[in-house]
Structures are given as structure tokens and as C-alpha cells.
Amino acid sequence: MFKTKRIILFLAGFALVASFMGCAATSTHESTGQYIDNSVITSKVKTAIFNEPTLKSLQIEVESFKGEVQLSGFVDSAMSVEKAGEIARGVQGVVGVKNNLVVK
């Protein structure tokens, strides 16, 4: 009986540790909290770009991973590329910006 309880406790502990490991971040995957944080950052950057009248926000794609924001798409001028990068860097929580916008 004692041995059975010990095995059950071991398995329950193992399952608990395994479930927490599933939520951990790695170099290529975000944790659940990081995913939510990056969703918020992406939304804030998109909103800031949308509110800038000189940018055509529908042509700019925004993605975030671990606080790093990537801008991609097409804009009309080099000034728009710089402006979009400035706006993204100004958003709270952004740790870096990869500006891959292309002037068409």
C-alpha cells in the first residue's frame, strides 16, 4: 500500500513538472505569457502606425517575437520607412525593430 501511494505521488509530481515545462520558453518558442505580451505589442504598433496619417497602414505588416518587432510590406518613400520604424520603436515593450519595409 505504501509503495502504491509512493508511485502515485511520483507520477503526479512528474505530470505537474511536465505540464509546467510545456509552458516554458525556448530560443525558438515563446512561453504563454510572452505570446500574450507580443500580441499586445503587435496591436499597439499596428494602432500607432494606423494613427499616423502619412502611412498607408494596410500595406504594412507587423509581427512580434520576444519583444522584437518586424515590419514588412510596401511604402511610398524612404521617409515612410523611417517614420514606421520610429513609431514602432516608440511603443512600450518593444526591444528592437527589424524594418523590412520596401519602397515601391
Protein backbone atom coordinates (compact mmCIF):
# COMPACT_ATOMS: atom_id res chain seq x y z
CA MET A 1 0.00 0.00 0.00
CA PHE A 2 2.80 2.41 0.93
CA LYS A 3 4.63 1.58 -2.30
CA THR A 4 1.49 2.25 -4.39
CA LYS A 5 1.00 5.68 -2.81
CA ARG A 6 4.63 6.50 -3.42
CA ILE A 7 4.33 5.56 -7.12
CA ILE A 8 1.14 7.62 -7.48
CA LEU A 9 2.79 10.65 -5.85
CA PHE A 10 5.84 10.26 -8.10
CA LEU A 11 3.65 10.12 -11.22
CA ALA A 12 1.58 13.10 -10.08
CA GLY A 13 4.76 15.11 -9.42
CA PHE A 14 6.16 14.13 -12.79
CA ALA A 15 2.93 15.19 -14.54
CA LEU A 16 2.99 18.53 -12.72
CA VAL A 17 6.59 19.24 -13.72
CA ALA A 18 5.91 18.17 -17.31
CA SER A 19 2.91 20.49 -17.55
CA PHE A 20 4.99 23.48 -16.38
CA MET A 21 7.75 22.61 -18.84
CA GLY A 22 5.20 22.78 -21.66
CA CYS A 23 4.69 26.50 -20.93
CA ALA A 24 8.40 27.34 -20.83
CA ALA A 25 10.09 29.48 -23.44
CA THR A 26 12.93 28.28 -25.63
CA SER A 27 15.07 30.14 -28.14
CA THR A 28 12.57 29.39 -30.92
CA HIS A 29 9.29 29.24 -28.96
CA GLU A 30 7.57 31.76 -26.71
CA SER A 31 6.03 30.97 -23.37
CA THR A 32 2.31 31.59 -22.97
CA GLY A 33 2.99 34.88 -21.20
CA GLN A 34 5.42 36.03 -23.89
CA TYR A 35 2.90 35.15 -26.60
CA ILE A 36 0.28 37.32 -24.91
CA ASP A 37 2.78 40.15 -24.36
CA ASN A 38 3.81 40.04 -28.02
CA SER A 39 0.18 40.07 -29.15
CA VAL A 40 -0.30 43.26 -27.14
CA ILE A 41 2.89 44.79 -28.58
CA THR A 42 1.80 43.90 -32.13
CA SER A 43 -1.61 45.50 -31.55
CA LYS A 44 -0.07 48.66 -30.10
CA VAL A 45 2.36 49.03 -33.02
CA LYS A 46 -0.41 48.45 -35.58
CA THR A 47 -2.59 51.05 -33.85
CA ALA A 48 0.24 53.58 -33.70
CA ILE A 49 1.00 53.08 -37.40
CA PHE A 50 -2.70 53.28 -38.29
CA ASN A 51 -2.99 56.58 -36.41
CA GLU A 52 -0.13 58.09 -38.45
CA PRO A 53 -1.81 59.85 -41.39
CA THR A 54 1.30 59.79 -43.60
CA LEU A 55 1.49 55.97 -43.64
CA LYS A 56 -0.70 53.57 -45.59
CA SER A 57 -1.15 51.14 -42.74
CA LEU A 58 -2.91 48.47 -44.80
CA GLN A 59 0.34 47.86 -46.68
CA ILE A 60 2.43 47.40 -43.53
CA GLU A 61 2.53 44.04 -41.76
CA VAL A 62 3.61 43.85 -38.10
CA GLU A 63 4.85 40.74 -36.27
CA SER A 64 6.44 40.42 -32.83
CA PHE A 65 8.59 37.76 -31.21
CA LYS A 66 10.07 38.18 -27.74
CA GLY A 67 9.68 41.97 -27.93
CA GLU A 68 11.37 42.22 -31.34
CA VAL A 69 9.04 43.81 -33.92
CA GLN A 70 9.32 43.07 -37.62
CA LEU A 71 7.83 45.48 -40.13
CA SER A 72 7.27 44.27 -43.68
CA GLY A 73 5.34 45.41 -46.71
CA PHE A 74 5.44 48.35 -49.08
CA VAL A 75 5.52 52.12 -48.56
CA ASP A 76 5.78 55.09 -50.90
CA SER A 77 9.03 56.67 -49.70
CA ALA A 78 12.19 56.22 -47.66
CA MET A 79 10.75 58.78 -45.25
CA SER A 80 7.81 56.43 -44.63
CA VAL A 81 10.23 53.57 -43.90
CA GLU A 82 11.96 55.71 -41.26
CA LYS A 83 8.69 57.01 -39.81
CA ALA A 84 7.27 53.50 -39.38
CA GLY A 85 10.47 52.37 -37.65
CA GLU A 86 10.37 55.38 -35.33
CA ILE A 87 6.76 54.71 -34.42
CA ALA A 88 7.46 51.03 -33.70
CA ARG A 89 10.49 51.86 -31.53
CA GLY A 90 8.35 54.29 -29.52
CA VAL A 91 5.88 51.63 -28.40
CA GLN A 92 6.30 50.43 -24.83
CA GLY A 93 7.65 46.87 -24.63
CA VAL A 94 9.47 46.93 -27.97
CA VAL A 95 13.10 45.88 -27.53
CA GLY A 96 14.10 46.11 -31.17
CA VAL A 97 12.77 46.69 -34.67
CA LYS A 98 13.60 44.82 -37.89
CA ASN A 99 12.45 47.21 -40.56
CA ASN A 100 11.98 45.22 -43.77
CA LEU A 101 9.73 47.76 -45.47
CA VAL A 102 10.29 48.21 -49.18
CA VAL A 103 9.84 51.44 -51.13
CA LYS A 104 7.79 50.79 -54.25
